[in-house]
Amino acid sequence: MYAYELHQLNVAELLRTGEQQRTAHRAALALRAARRAQRHDAEGRVGKNRSWFVRAA
């Protein structure tokens, strides 16, 4: 019975760890997608190098 309870604790810990990793991965993907969407936004910031023509607004 003791071995079974240890096994159940281990399974629960693995499930929690997996859920934390999936949440972190989803958050990273969401941040990356937000940056990508912001980069392709029509009304973004003007580029740093003023000698290049950059479409502003």
C-alpha atoms as a PDB file:
ATOM      1  CA  MET A   1       0.000   0.000   0.000  1.00  0.00           C
ATOM      2  CA  TYR A   2       2.868   2.400   0.813  1.00  0.00           C
ATOM      3  CA  ALA A   3       4.444   1.893  -2.628  1.00  0.00           C
ATOM      4  CA  TYR A   4       1.122   2.638  -4.307  1.00  0.00           C
ATOM      5  CA  GLU A   5       0.743   5.898  -2.369  1.00  0.00           C
ATOM      6  CA  LEU A   6       4.277   6.944  -3.326  1.00  0.00           C
ATOM      7  CA  HIS A   7       3.451   6.149  -6.922  1.00  0.00           C
ATOM      8  CA  GLN A   8       0.299   8.291  -6.751  1.00  0.00           C
ATOM      9  CA  LEU A   9       2.301  11.204  -5.291  1.00  0.00           C
ATOM     10  CA  ASN A  10       4.865  10.851  -8.065  1.00  0.00           C
ATOM     11  CA  VAL A  11       2.159  10.791 -10.737  1.00  0.00           C
ATOM     12  CA  ALA A  12       0.527  13.902  -9.265  1.00  0.00           C
ATOM     13  CA  GLU A  13       3.862  15.732  -9.203  1.00  0.00           C
ATOM     14  CA  LEU A  14       4.583  14.785 -12.816  1.00  0.00           C
ATOM     15  CA  LEU A  15       1.150  16.026 -13.867  1.00  0.00           C
ATOM     16  CA  ARG A  16       1.706  19.360 -12.092  1.00  0.00           C
ATOM     17  CA  THR A  17       5.142  19.752 -13.667  1.00  0.00           C
ATOM     18  CA  GLY A  18       3.789  18.983 -17.117  1.00  0.00           C
ATOM     19  CA  GLU A  19       0.973  21.494 -16.731  1.00  0.00           C
ATOM     20  CA  GLN A  20       3.428  24.186 -15.598  1.00  0.00           C
ATOM     21  CA  GLN A  21       5.648  23.527 -18.613  1.00  0.00           C
ATOM     22  CA  ARG A  22       2.680  23.649 -20.997  1.00  0.00           C
ATOM     23  CA  THR A  23       1.505  26.922 -19.454  1.00  0.00           C
ATOM     24  CA  ALA A  24       4.970  28.457 -19.779  1.00  0.00           C
ATOM     25  CA  HIS A  25       5.218  27.282 -23.389  1.00  0.00           C
ATOM     26  CA  ARG A  26       1.807  28.746 -24.252  1.00  0.00           C
ATOM     27  CA  ALA A  27       2.777  32.055 -22.633  1.00  0.00           C
ATOM     28  CA  ALA A  28       6.001  32.192 -24.627  1.00  0.00           C
ATOM     29  CA  LEU A  29       4.108  31.475 -27.844  1.00  0.00           C
ATOM     30  CA  ALA A  30       1.563  34.184 -27.038  1.00  0.00           C
ATOM     31  CA  LEU A  31       4.320  36.745 -26.392  1.00  0.00           C
ATOM     32  CA  ARG A  32       6.059  35.792 -29.609  1.00  0.00           C
ATOM     33  CA  ALA A  33       2.811  36.099 -31.565  1.00  0.00           C
ATOM     34  CA  ALA A  34       2.100  39.496 -29.998  1.00  0.00           C
ATOM     35  CA  ARG A  35       5.554  40.775 -30.972  1.00  0.00           C
ATOM     36  CA  ARG A  36       5.097  39.425 -34.489  1.00  0.00           C
ATOM     37  CA  ALA A  37       1.683  41.108 -34.809  1.00  0.00           C
ATOM     38  CA  GLN A  38       3.086  44.359 -33.474  1.00  0.00           C
ATOM     39  CA  ARG A  39       5.937  44.232 -35.975  1.00  0.00           C
ATOM     40  CA  HIS A  40       3.505  43.978 -38.906  1.00  0.00           C
ATOM     41  CA  ASP A  41       1.242  46.703 -37.558  1.00  0.00           C
ATOM     42  CA  ALA A  42       0.633  49.498 -40.072  1.00  0.00           C
ATOM     43  CA  GLU A  43       0.999  52.239 -37.461  1.00  0.00           C
ATOM     44  CA  GLY A  44       4.232  51.228 -35.784  1.00  0.00           C
ATOM     45  CA  ARG A  45       7.250  53.191 -34.678  1.00  0.00           C
ATOM     46  CA  VAL A  46       9.480  54.892 -37.190  1.00  0.00           C
ATOM     47  CA  GLY A  47      12.819  53.140 -37.683  1.00  0.00           C
ATOM     48  CA  LYS A  48      15.936  54.175 -35.755  1.00  0.00           C
ATOM     49  CA  ASN A  49      18.058  54.891 -38.823  1.00  0.00           C
ATOM     50  CA  ARG A  50      16.613  58.085 -40.254  1.00  0.00           C
ATOM     51  CA  SER A  51      18.549  57.755 -43.508  1.00  0.00           C
ATOM     52  CA  TRP A  52      16.276  54.875 -44.515  1.00  0.00           C
ATOM     53  CA  PHE A  53      12.742  55.513 -45.684  1.00  0.00           C
ATOM     54  CA  VAL A  54      10.375  53.891 -43.234  1.00  0.00           C
ATOM     55  CA  ARG A  55       6.625  54.075 -43.528  1.00  0.00           C
ATOM     56  CA  ALA A  56       5.290  55.823 -40.440  1.00  0.00           C
ATOM     57  CA  ALA A  57       1.542  55.590 -39.967  1.00  0.00           C
END
